[in-house]
Amino acid sequence: MTCLAKLVSVFGSAEVLKLPEALFGWPTRWVMVLAALTEAVVVGILLSKAEPLTKLGTILWLSVNFATYRVCLWTMGVSATCPCMGKAYGLIGISSATMDRVMGWIVLVLLAGSAYFIYRFSGRRTPVVAYGEPIPATSAGGSA
């Protein structure tokens, strides 16, 4: 969702898109394009036939990047809301401050959830079976 919001927003004419982004100093428009492309690659991996641990690792990697970005802005004293959603929050009728808090919680949930499931599944000796795939006869309780 944020990927699409970023892509829609970068084609807008808002002045904030021309201003330098606080952390990198690049125009906000280009930071948003880079973030949207990164998110699109992650979505592509999630929709692919990659292994579940690869998908979880990709989510963890992206959420660590989001969390690091937010912590860096916080330590720099930047209090402006993240332009990552453009003006999409206005379309759903909530304030930018509320949307910023919601996005922060989403980052925390993605970070904690992906880390937990990587920890939980990384020690398995049997493969994780994806939804819709037949369970191998040896793990179904039958004798092989």
C-alpha atoms as a PDB file:
ATOM      1  CA  MET A   1       0.000   0.000   0.000  1.00  0.00           C
ATOM      2  CA  THR A   2       2.748   2.484   0.901  1.00  0.00           C
ATOM      3  CA  CYS A   3       4.532   1.625  -2.337  1.00  0.00           C
ATOM      4  CA  LEU A   4       1.498   2.695  -4.353  1.00  0.00           C
ATOM      5  CA  ALA A   5       0.968   5.786  -2.201  1.00  0.00           C
ATOM      6  CA  LYS A   6       4.580   6.831  -2.789  1.00  0.00           C
ATOM      7  CA  LEU A   7       4.335   6.263  -6.529  1.00  0.00           C
ATOM      8  CA  VAL A   8       1.131   8.296  -6.758  1.00  0.00           C
ATOM      9  CA  SER A   9       2.592  11.060  -4.587  1.00  0.00           C
ATOM     10  CA  VAL A  10       5.849  11.481  -6.535  1.00  0.00           C
ATOM     11  CA  PHE A  11       3.896  12.544  -9.604  1.00  0.00           C
ATOM     12  CA  GLY A  12       2.198  15.313  -7.635  1.00  0.00           C
ATOM     13  CA  SER A  13       3.138  18.956  -7.513  1.00  0.00           C
ATOM     14  CA  ALA A  14       3.440  19.407  -3.742  1.00  0.00           C
ATOM     15  CA  GLU A  15       6.283  21.710  -2.727  1.00  0.00           C
ATOM     16  CA  VAL A  16       7.570  19.158  -0.191  1.00  0.00           C
ATOM     17  CA  LEU A  17       8.650  16.950  -3.101  1.00  0.00           C
ATOM     18  CA  LYS A  18      11.154  19.604  -4.173  1.00  0.00           C
ATOM     19  CA  LEU A  19      12.579  20.189  -0.702  1.00  0.00           C
ATOM     20  CA  PRO A  20      15.650  18.295   0.525  1.00  0.00           C
ATOM     21  CA  GLU A  21      14.826  15.255   2.607  1.00  0.00           C
ATOM     22  CA  ALA A  22      16.100  15.592   6.190  1.00  0.00           C
ATOM     23  CA  LEU A  23      18.389  12.538   6.378  1.00  0.00           C
ATOM     24  CA  PHE A  24      19.937  12.264   2.924  1.00  0.00           C
ATOM     25  CA  GLY A  25      19.585  15.833   1.672  1.00  0.00           C
ATOM     26  CA  TRP A  26      18.245  14.653  -1.695  1.00  0.00           C
ATOM     27  CA  PRO A  27      14.973  15.990  -3.081  1.00  0.00           C
ATOM     28  CA  THR A  28      12.126  14.236  -1.261  1.00  0.00           C
ATOM     29  CA  ARG A  29      10.661  13.127  -4.604  1.00  0.00           C
ATOM     30  CA  TRP A  30      13.748  11.002  -5.367  1.00  0.00           C
ATOM     31  CA  VAL A  31      13.937   9.520  -1.885  1.00  0.00           C
ATOM     32  CA  MET A  32      10.298   8.467  -2.268  1.00  0.00           C
ATOM     33  CA  VAL A  33      10.969   6.979  -5.712  1.00  0.00           C
ATOM     34  CA  LEU A  34      13.886   4.982  -4.301  1.00  0.00           C
ATOM     35  CA  ALA A  35      11.783   3.787  -1.357  1.00  0.00           C
ATOM     36  CA  ALA A  36       8.867   2.850  -3.644  1.00  0.00           C
ATOM     37  CA  LEU A  37      11.142   0.857  -5.958  1.00  0.00           C
ATOM     38  CA  THR A  38      12.690  -0.918  -2.969  1.00  0.00           C
ATOM     39  CA  GLU A  39       9.238  -1.787  -1.635  1.00  0.00           C
ATOM     40  CA  ALA A  40       8.189  -3.016  -5.103  1.00  0.00           C
ATOM     41  CA  VAL A  41      11.185  -5.375  -5.200  1.00  0.00           C
ATOM     42  CA  VAL A  42      10.216  -6.699  -1.756  1.00  0.00           C
ATOM     43  CA  VAL A  43       6.626  -7.235  -2.933  1.00  0.00           C
ATOM     44  CA  GLY A  44       7.994  -9.106  -5.953  1.00  0.00           C
ATOM     45  CA  ILE A  45      10.001 -11.404  -3.680  1.00  0.00           C
ATOM     46  CA  LEU A  46       6.975 -11.974  -1.446  1.00  0.00           C
ATOM     47  CA  LEU A  47       4.830 -12.915  -4.457  1.00  0.00           C
ATOM     48  CA  SER A  48       7.524 -15.175  -5.897  1.00  0.00           C
ATOM     49  CA  LYS A  49       8.168 -18.828  -5.158  1.00  0.00           C
ATOM     50  CA  ALA A  50      11.077 -17.935  -2.880  1.00  0.00           C
ATOM     51  CA  GLU A  51      11.574 -19.957   0.287  1.00  0.00           C
ATOM     52  CA  PRO A  52       9.555 -18.799   3.318  1.00  0.00           C
ATOM     53  CA  LEU A  53      12.734 -17.901   5.229  1.00  0.00           C
ATOM     54  CA  THR A  54      13.880 -15.768   2.295  1.00  0.00           C
ATOM     55  CA  LYS A  55      10.560 -13.954   2.346  1.00  0.00           C
ATOM     56  CA  LEU A  56      10.760 -13.446   6.109  1.00  0.00           C
ATOM     57  CA  GLY A  57      14.332 -12.223   5.783  1.00  0.00           C
ATOM     58  CA  THR A  58      13.251  -9.731   3.147  1.00  0.00           C
ATOM     59  CA  ILE A  59      10.519  -8.386   5.428  1.00  0.00           C
ATOM     60  CA  LEU A  60      13.006  -8.167   8.296  1.00  0.00           C
ATOM     61  CA  TRP A  61      15.525  -6.339   6.097  1.00  0.00           C
ATOM     62  CA  LEU A  62      12.935  -3.804   4.931  1.00  0.00           C
ATOM     63  CA  SER A  63      11.548  -3.225   8.428  1.00  0.00           C
ATOM     64  CA  VAL A  64      15.082  -2.741   9.832  1.00  0.00           C
ATOM     65  CA  ASN A  65      15.652  -0.105   7.146  1.00  0.00           C
ATOM     66  CA  PHE A  66      12.374   1.650   7.998  1.00  0.00           C
ATOM     67  CA  ALA A  67      13.122   1.515  11.730  1.00  0.00           C
ATOM     68  CA  THR A  68      16.681   2.803  11.222  1.00  0.00           C
ATOM     69  CA  TYR A  69      15.388   5.678   9.108  1.00  0.00           C
ATOM     70  CA  ARG A  70      12.840   6.638  11.782  1.00  0.00           C
ATOM     71  CA  VAL A  71      15.405   6.389  14.610  1.00  0.00           C
ATOM     72  CA  CYS A  72      17.883   8.538  12.653  1.00  0.00           C
ATOM     73  CA  LEU A  73      15.249  11.217  12.088  1.00  0.00           C
ATOM     74  CA  TRP A  74      14.268  11.054  15.757  1.00  0.00           C
ATOM     75  CA  THR A  75      17.886  11.433  16.943  1.00  0.00           C
ATOM     76  CA  MET A  76      18.324  14.382  14.572  1.00  0.00           C
ATOM     77  CA  GLY A  77      15.305  16.036  16.179  1.00  0.00           C
ATOM     78  CA  VAL A  78      13.210  16.007  13.017  1.00  0.00           C
ATOM     79  CA  SER A  79       9.609  16.187  14.156  1.00  0.00           C
ATOM     80  CA  ALA A  80       7.874  16.529  10.795  1.00  0.00           C
ATOM     81  CA  THR A  81       5.685  13.642   9.761  1.00  0.00           C
ATOM     82  CA  CYS A  82       7.093  11.214   7.243  1.00  0.00           C
ATOM     83  CA  PRO A  83       6.205  12.209   3.676  1.00  0.00           C
ATOM     84  CA  CYS A  84       6.219   8.506   2.755  1.00  0.00           C
ATOM     85  CA  MET A  85       2.441   8.331   2.426  1.00  0.00           C
ATOM     86  CA  GLY A  86       2.151  11.600   0.561  1.00  0.00           C
ATOM     87  CA  LYS A  87      -1.312  12.969   1.240  1.00  0.00           C
ATOM     88  CA  ALA A  88      -2.962   9.518   1.308  1.00  0.00           C
ATOM     89  CA  TYR A  89      -3.862   9.923   4.981  1.00  0.00           C
ATOM     90  CA  GLY A  90      -6.119  12.841   4.030  1.00  0.00           C
ATOM     91  CA  LEU A  91      -8.000  10.606   1.616  1.00  0.00           C
ATOM     92  CA  ILE A  92      -8.912   8.208   4.436  1.00  0.00           C
ATOM     93  CA  GLY A  93      -9.775  11.007   6.845  1.00  0.00           C
ATOM     94  CA  ILE A  94      -7.069  10.840   9.526  1.00  0.00           C
ATOM     95  CA  SER A  95      -4.453  13.351  10.612  1.00  0.00           C
ATOM     96  CA  SER A  96      -0.831  13.143   9.510  1.00  0.00           C
ATOM     97  CA  ALA A  97       0.282  12.682  13.146  1.00  0.00           C
ATOM     98  CA  THR A  98      -2.068   9.699  13.566  1.00  0.00           C
ATOM     99  CA  MET A  99      -0.856   8.198  10.300  1.00  0.00           C
ATOM    100  CA  ASP A 100       2.752   8.641  11.432  1.00  0.00           C
ATOM    101  CA  ARG A 101       2.016   6.744  14.664  1.00  0.00           C
ATOM    102  CA  VAL A 102       0.182   4.001  12.759  1.00  0.00           C
ATOM    103  CA  MET A 103       3.113   3.629  10.356  1.00  0.00           C
ATOM    104  CA  GLY A 104       5.518   3.446  13.314  1.00  0.00           C
ATOM    105  CA  TRP A 105       3.477   0.630  14.856  1.00  0.00           C
ATOM    106  CA  ILE A 106       3.347  -1.184  11.517  1.00  0.00           C
ATOM    107  CA  VAL A 107       7.152  -1.024  11.301  1.00  0.00           C
ATOM    108  CA  LEU A 108       7.451  -2.430  14.840  1.00  0.00           C
ATOM    109  CA  VAL A 109       5.004  -5.263  14.094  1.00  0.00           C
ATOM    110  CA  LEU A 110       6.816  -6.159  10.851  1.00  0.00           C
ATOM    111  CA  LEU A 111      10.171  -6.055  12.616  1.00  0.00           C
ATOM    112  CA  ALA A 112       9.117  -8.121  15.628  1.00  0.00           C
ATOM    113  CA  GLY A 113       6.961 -10.525  13.616  1.00  0.00           C
ATOM    114  CA  SER A 114       9.535 -11.318  10.964  1.00  0.00           C
ATOM    115  CA  ALA A 115      12.309 -11.689  13.563  1.00  0.00           C
ATOM    116  CA  TYR A 116      10.126 -14.030  15.640  1.00  0.00           C
ATOM    117  CA  PHE A 117       9.189 -16.247  12.692  1.00  0.00           C
ATOM    118  CA  ILE A 118      12.762 -16.384  11.392  1.00  0.00           C
ATOM    119  CA  TYR A 119      13.852 -17.505  14.849  1.00  0.00           C
ATOM    120  CA  ARG A 120      10.972 -19.972  15.070  1.00  0.00           C
ATOM    121  CA  PHE A 121      11.479 -21.575  11.659  1.00  0.00           C
ATOM    122  CA  SER A 122      15.233 -21.326  11.166  1.00  0.00           C
ATOM    123  CA  GLY A 123      15.982 -24.305  13.414  1.00  0.00           C
ATOM    124  CA  ARG A 124      13.594 -26.673  11.617  1.00  0.00           C
ATOM    125  CA  ARG A 125      15.004 -29.769  10.071  1.00  0.00           C
ATOM    126  CA  THR A 126      11.933 -30.310   7.905  1.00  0.00           C
ATOM    127  CA  PRO A 127      10.963 -27.871   5.171  1.00  0.00           C
ATOM    128  CA  VAL A 128       8.113 -25.449   5.728  1.00  0.00           C
ATOM    129  CA  VAL A 129       5.253 -26.474   3.457  1.00  0.00           C
ATOM    130  CA  ALA A 130       3.641 -23.622   1.558  1.00  0.00           C
ATOM    131  CA  TYR A 131      -0.129 -23.314   1.422  1.00  0.00           C
ATOM    132  CA  GLY A 132      -1.640 -25.530  -1.227  1.00  0.00           C
ATOM    133  CA  GLU A 133       1.367 -27.808  -1.668  1.00  0.00           C
ATOM    134  CA  PRO A 134       0.966 -31.488  -0.831  1.00  0.00           C
ATOM    135  CA  ILE A 135       2.532 -32.644   2.430  1.00  0.00           C
ATOM    136  CA  PRO A 136       5.334 -35.167   1.774  1.00  0.00           C
ATOM    137  CA  ALA A 137       4.346 -38.713   2.755  1.00  0.00           C
ATOM    138  CA  THR A 138       7.199 -38.978   5.312  1.00  0.00           C
ATOM    139  CA  SER A 139       5.880 -36.008   7.320  1.00  0.00           C
ATOM    140  CA  ALA A 140       2.216 -37.013   7.083  1.00  0.00           C
ATOM    141  CA  GLY A 141       2.645 -39.772   9.617  1.00  0.00           C
ATOM    142  CA  GLY A 142       2.869 -42.532   7.056  1.00  0.00           C
ATOM    143  CA  SER A 143       5.735 -44.974   6.910  1.00  0.00           C
ATOM    144  CA  ALA A 144       8.257 -44.514   4.162  1.00  0.00           C
END
